[in-house]
Amino acid sequence: MENWIPLTEKEYDHIWDKVYKELKFEPSISVFPSFQLSSPFITYDISHCFEEAEYDDLEEKVWCVFQELTLSNEYILALDWQHECYWVNSHLNFGKDEFVGQILSLFPDGDYYFFIQKDFKWGYLGHPWEKSITIFGEELVNAVHKHKPRMFHKVLRQR
């Protein structure tokens, strides 16, 4: 099986229409939050995170959570706002050293990076300007609580 499969143009348009509509996504460099989520969610402040060990811990724990929540042949959406987007399978190899060299990072370092279950039951939303990560959906919120990355200790918002 292949990993990091680019979305077709039709998939790209459909998925982003759904992101704007269902998540009420309004990108902004100064008005926060950029999403309106109705399901359980938590937004973490990551503005204090600068250590490579914190990034590694985030990658390791969140990809393990994605593996826990998906079947071995299941792909999730890996979205990079206004750039190419992908289907990714958390059970497949990511390249050289597993997570090293992956196409999209879990840490929003200048772009919005979203990882969303194909039916939008749960998702992981990285906000580059607010310097935050929002997780939504009961399954993902509970799984992240069990395997919480070190950088997830300051909550900005939750419901």
C-alpha atoms as a PDB file:
ATOM      1  CA  MET A   1       0.000   0.000   0.000  1.00  0.00           C
ATOM      2  CA  GLU A   2       1.084   3.528  -0.730  1.00  0.00           C
ATOM      3  CA  ASN A   3       1.258   6.342   1.782  1.00  0.00           C
ATOM      4  CA  TRP A   4       0.832  10.102   1.314  1.00  0.00           C
ATOM      5  CA  ILE A   5      -1.524   9.759  -1.653  1.00  0.00           C
ATOM      6  CA  PRO A   6      -2.375  13.191  -3.116  1.00  0.00           C
ATOM      7  CA  LEU A   7      -6.050  14.117  -3.174  1.00  0.00           C
ATOM      8  CA  THR A   8      -7.575  14.471  -6.611  1.00  0.00           C
ATOM      9  CA  GLU A   9      -8.739  17.955  -7.581  1.00  0.00           C
ATOM     10  CA  LYS A  10     -12.354  16.872  -7.027  1.00  0.00           C
ATOM     11  CA  GLU A  11     -11.534  15.413  -3.579  1.00  0.00           C
ATOM     12  CA  TYR A  12      -9.555  18.541  -2.674  1.00  0.00           C
ATOM     13  CA  ASP A  13     -12.457  20.870  -3.532  1.00  0.00           C
ATOM     14  CA  HIS A  14     -15.030  18.664  -1.783  1.00  0.00           C
ATOM     15  CA  ILE A  15     -12.953  18.245   1.393  1.00  0.00           C
ATOM     16  CA  TRP A  16     -12.101  21.939   1.739  1.00  0.00           C
ATOM     17  CA  ASP A  17     -15.763  22.883   1.161  1.00  0.00           C
ATOM     18  CA  LYS A  18     -16.597  20.512   4.010  1.00  0.00           C
ATOM     19  CA  VAL A  19     -13.847  21.994   6.246  1.00  0.00           C
ATOM     20  CA  TYR A  20     -15.188  25.517   5.714  1.00  0.00           C
ATOM     21  CA  LYS A  21     -18.799  24.440   6.262  1.00  0.00           C
ATOM     22  CA  GLU A  22     -18.607  21.841   9.049  1.00  0.00           C
ATOM     23  CA  LEU A  23     -15.743  23.346  11.042  1.00  0.00           C
ATOM     24  CA  LYS A  24     -16.789  26.904  10.198  1.00  0.00           C
ATOM     25  CA  PHE A  25     -13.167  27.508   9.288  1.00  0.00           C
ATOM     26  CA  GLU A  26     -12.211  31.179   8.951  1.00  0.00           C
ATOM     27  CA  PRO A  27      -8.447  31.515   8.501  1.00  0.00           C
ATOM     28  CA  SER A  28      -6.959  34.529  10.257  1.00  0.00           C
ATOM     29  CA  ILE A  29      -3.600  35.693  11.532  1.00  0.00           C
ATOM     30  CA  SER A  30      -5.209  37.675  14.353  1.00  0.00           C
ATOM     31  CA  VAL A  31      -8.836  36.649  15.026  1.00  0.00           C
ATOM     32  CA  PHE A  32      -9.078  33.446  17.067  1.00  0.00           C
ATOM     33  CA  PRO A  33     -10.433  30.827  17.205  1.00  0.00           C
ATOM     34  CA  SER A  34     -10.542  30.048  13.500  1.00  0.00           C
ATOM     35  CA  PHE A  35     -12.925  27.105  13.990  1.00  0.00           C
ATOM     36  CA  GLN A  36     -16.326  26.654  15.576  1.00  0.00           C
ATOM     37  CA  LEU A  37     -16.640  23.101  16.787  1.00  0.00           C
ATOM     38  CA  SER A  38     -19.799  21.598  18.241  1.00  0.00           C
ATOM     39  CA  SER A  39     -18.430  18.238  19.293  1.00  0.00           C
ATOM     40  CA  PRO A  40     -16.184  17.786  22.329  1.00  0.00           C
ATOM     41  CA  PHE A  41     -12.900  19.573  21.713  1.00  0.00           C
ATOM     42  CA  ILE A  42      -9.786  20.872  23.456  1.00  0.00           C
ATOM     43  CA  THR A  43      -7.460  23.587  22.174  1.00  0.00           C
ATOM     44  CA  TYR A  44      -3.917  23.526  23.547  1.00  0.00           C
ATOM     45  CA  ASP A  45      -1.487  26.447  23.606  1.00  0.00           C
ATOM     46  CA  ILE A  46       1.810  25.367  22.026  1.00  0.00           C
ATOM     47  CA  SER A  47       3.483  28.799  21.970  1.00  0.00           C
ATOM     48  CA  HIS A  48       5.953  27.687  24.637  1.00  0.00           C
ATOM     49  CA  CYS A  49       7.267  24.706  22.650  1.00  0.00           C
ATOM     50  CA  PHE A  50      10.741  25.035  21.183  1.00  0.00           C
ATOM     51  CA  GLU A  51      12.524  21.795  22.076  1.00  0.00           C
ATOM     52  CA  GLU A  52      13.159  19.024  19.559  1.00  0.00           C
ATOM     53  CA  ALA A  53      12.256  16.473  22.254  1.00  0.00           C
ATOM     54  CA  GLU A  54       8.775  18.028  22.551  1.00  0.00           C
ATOM     55  CA  TYR A  55       8.258  17.803  18.779  1.00  0.00           C
ATOM     56  CA  ASP A  56       9.413  14.174  18.764  1.00  0.00           C
ATOM     57  CA  ASP A  57       7.106  13.341  21.680  1.00  0.00           C
ATOM     58  CA  LEU A  58       4.169  14.982  19.863  1.00  0.00           C
ATOM     59  CA  GLU A  59       4.830  13.050  16.651  1.00  0.00           C
ATOM     60  CA  GLU A  60       5.272   9.729  18.421  1.00  0.00           C
ATOM     61  CA  LYS A  61       2.201   9.961  20.648  1.00  0.00           C
ATOM     62  CA  VAL A  62      -0.243  11.459  18.152  1.00  0.00           C
ATOM     63  CA  TRP A  63       0.639   9.040  15.345  1.00  0.00           C
ATOM     64  CA  CYS A  64       0.197   6.179  17.842  1.00  0.00           C
ATOM     65  CA  VAL A  65      -3.227   7.604  18.752  1.00  0.00           C
ATOM     66  CA  PHE A  66      -4.146   7.733  15.052  1.00  0.00           C
ATOM     67  CA  GLN A  67      -3.097   4.069  14.770  1.00  0.00           C
ATOM     68  CA  GLU A  68      -5.261   3.218  17.773  1.00  0.00           C
ATOM     69  CA  LEU A  69      -8.319   4.885  16.203  1.00  0.00           C
ATOM     70  CA  THR A  70      -7.996   3.541  12.657  1.00  0.00           C
ATOM     71  CA  LEU A  71      -7.991   0.160  10.963  1.00  0.00           C
ATOM     72  CA  SER A  72      -4.755  -1.034   9.376  1.00  0.00           C
ATOM     73  CA  ASN A  73      -6.067  -0.262   5.869  1.00  0.00           C
ATOM     74  CA  GLU A  74      -7.772   3.037   6.780  1.00  0.00           C
ATOM     75  CA  TYR A  75      -6.589   6.404   5.509  1.00  0.00           C
ATOM     76  CA  ILE A  76      -7.197   9.787   7.113  1.00  0.00           C
ATOM     77  CA  LEU A  77      -7.035  13.228   5.536  1.00  0.00           C
ATOM     78  CA  ALA A  78      -3.777  15.163   5.850  1.00  0.00           C
ATOM     79  CA  LEU A  79      -4.550  18.747   4.867  1.00  0.00           C
ATOM     80  CA  ASP A  80      -2.213  21.681   4.333  1.00  0.00           C
ATOM     81  CA  TRP A  81      -4.233  24.849   3.735  1.00  0.00           C
ATOM     82  CA  GLN A  82      -3.783  26.195   0.170  1.00  0.00           C
ATOM     83  CA  HIS A  83      -1.249  23.460  -0.646  1.00  0.00           C
ATOM     84  CA  GLU A  84      -1.336  19.875  -1.831  1.00  0.00           C
ATOM     85  CA  CYS A  85      -3.264  17.556   0.501  1.00  0.00           C
ATOM     86  CA  TYR A  86      -3.130  13.809   1.043  1.00  0.00           C
ATOM     87  CA  TRP A  87      -4.624  10.573   2.220  1.00  0.00           C
ATOM     88  CA  VAL A  88      -2.306   9.074   4.832  1.00  0.00           C
ATOM     89  CA  ASN A  89      -2.322   5.751   6.658  1.00  0.00           C
ATOM     90  CA  SER A  90      -0.837   5.933  10.156  1.00  0.00           C
ATOM     91  CA  HIS A  91      -0.067   2.202  10.074  1.00  0.00           C
ATOM     92  CA  LEU A  92       2.241   2.456   7.060  1.00  0.00           C
ATOM     93  CA  ASN A  93       5.884   3.463   7.077  1.00  0.00           C
ATOM     94  CA  PHE A  94       6.527   7.186   6.772  1.00  0.00           C
ATOM     95  CA  GLY A  95       9.950   6.986   5.186  1.00  0.00           C
ATOM     96  CA  LYS A  96      13.521   6.952   6.421  1.00  0.00           C
ATOM     97  CA  ASP A  97      13.009   6.815  10.179  1.00  0.00           C
ATOM     98  CA  GLU A  98       9.253   6.359  10.381  1.00  0.00           C
ATOM     99  CA  PHE A  99       8.043   9.885  11.133  1.00  0.00           C
ATOM    100  CA  VAL A 100      11.155  11.687   9.887  1.00  0.00           C
ATOM    101  CA  GLY A 101      10.635  12.950   6.376  1.00  0.00           C
ATOM    102  CA  GLN A 102       6.870  12.843   6.464  1.00  0.00           C
ATOM    103  CA  ILE A 103       5.219  15.361   4.211  1.00  0.00           C
ATOM    104  CA  LEU A 104       3.141  17.263   6.801  1.00  0.00           C
ATOM    105  CA  SER A 105       4.176  17.851  10.371  1.00  0.00           C
ATOM    106  CA  LEU A 106       1.855  17.645  13.347  1.00  0.00           C
ATOM    107  CA  PHE A 107       3.380  20.895  14.597  1.00  0.00           C
ATOM    108  CA  PRO A 108       1.930  23.922  12.736  1.00  0.00           C
ATOM    109  CA  ASP A 109       5.095  25.746  11.713  1.00  0.00           C
ATOM    110  CA  GLY A 110       3.706  28.366   9.351  1.00  0.00           C
ATOM    111  CA  ASP A 111       0.712  26.629   7.779  1.00  0.00           C
ATOM    112  CA  TYR A 112      -2.567  25.204   8.963  1.00  0.00           C
ATOM    113  CA  TYR A 113      -2.041  21.430   9.201  1.00  0.00           C
ATOM    114  CA  PHE A 114      -5.157  19.315   9.720  1.00  0.00           C
ATOM    115  CA  PHE A 115      -5.461  15.554  10.165  1.00  0.00           C
ATOM    116  CA  ILE A 116      -9.109  14.550   9.960  1.00  0.00           C
ATOM    117  CA  GLN A 117     -10.948  11.237   9.998  1.00  0.00           C
ATOM    118  CA  LYS A 118     -12.557  10.754   6.572  1.00  0.00           C
ATOM    119  CA  ASP A 119     -16.126  11.200   7.913  1.00  0.00           C
ATOM    120  CA  PHE A 120     -15.109  14.148  10.142  1.00  0.00           C
ATOM    121  CA  LYS A 121     -15.871  12.191  13.348  1.00  0.00           C
ATOM    122  CA  TRP A 122     -12.620  13.473  14.830  1.00  0.00           C
ATOM    123  CA  GLY A 123      -9.709  15.640  13.856  1.00  0.00           C
ATOM    124  CA  TYR A 124      -6.481  17.353  14.765  1.00  0.00           C
ATOM    125  CA  LEU A 125      -6.194  21.019  13.744  1.00  0.00           C
ATOM    126  CA  GLY A 126      -2.895  22.888  13.903  1.00  0.00           C
ATOM    127  CA  HIS A 127      -3.122  26.698  13.904  1.00  0.00           C
ATOM    128  CA  PRO A 128       0.163  28.448  13.008  1.00  0.00           C
ATOM    129  CA  TRP A 129      -0.682  31.991  14.135  1.00  0.00           C
ATOM    130  CA  GLU A 130      -2.581  31.249  17.311  1.00  0.00           C
ATOM    131  CA  LYS A 131       0.165  28.710  18.033  1.00  0.00           C
ATOM    132  CA  SER A 132      -2.377  26.112  19.034  1.00  0.00           C
ATOM    133  CA  ILE A 133      -3.512  22.587  18.356  1.00  0.00           C
ATOM    134  CA  THR A 134      -7.192  21.680  18.603  1.00  0.00           C
ATOM    135  CA  ILE A 135      -8.405  18.112  18.849  1.00  0.00           C
ATOM    136  CA  PHE A 136     -12.086  17.335  18.380  1.00  0.00           C
ATOM    137  CA  GLY A 137     -14.372  14.345  18.553  1.00  0.00           C
ATOM    138  CA  GLU A 138     -14.916  12.175  21.609  1.00  0.00           C
ATOM    139  CA  GLU A 139     -12.721   9.289  20.411  1.00  0.00           C
ATOM    140  CA  LEU A 140      -9.718  11.494  19.699  1.00  0.00           C
ATOM    141  CA  VAL A 141     -10.112  13.639  22.825  1.00  0.00           C
ATOM    142  CA  ASN A 142     -10.210  10.488  24.992  1.00  0.00           C
ATOM    143  CA  ALA A 143      -7.299   8.813  23.208  1.00  0.00           C
ATOM    144  CA  VAL A 144      -5.103  11.923  23.424  1.00  0.00           C
ATOM    145  CA  HIS A 145      -5.957  12.222  27.118  1.00  0.00           C
ATOM    146  CA  LYS A 146      -4.584   8.668  27.611  1.00  0.00           C
ATOM    147  CA  HIS A 147      -1.427   9.353  25.562  1.00  0.00           C
ATOM    148  CA  LYS A 148      -1.005  13.074  26.151  1.00  0.00           C
ATOM    149  CA  PRO A 149       2.010  14.715  24.491  1.00  0.00           C
ATOM    150  CA  ARG A 150       4.192  16.745  26.870  1.00  0.00           C
ATOM    151  CA  MET A 151       3.388  19.991  25.063  1.00  0.00           C
ATOM    152  CA  PHE A 152      -0.356  19.556  25.755  1.00  0.00           C
ATOM    153  CA  HIS A 153      -0.518  21.050  29.238  1.00  0.00           C
ATOM    154  CA  LYS A 154      -1.908  24.565  28.746  1.00  0.00           C
ATOM    155  CA  VAL A 155      -5.570  24.539  27.650  1.00  0.00           C
ATOM    156  CA  LEU A 156      -6.867  27.588  25.764  1.00  0.00           C
ATOM    157  CA  ARG A 157     -10.445  26.393  25.208  1.00  0.00           C
ATOM    158  CA  GLN A 158     -12.524  23.289  25.645  1.00  0.00           C
ATOM    159  CA  ARG A 159     -16.067  22.045  25.467  1.00  0.00           C
END
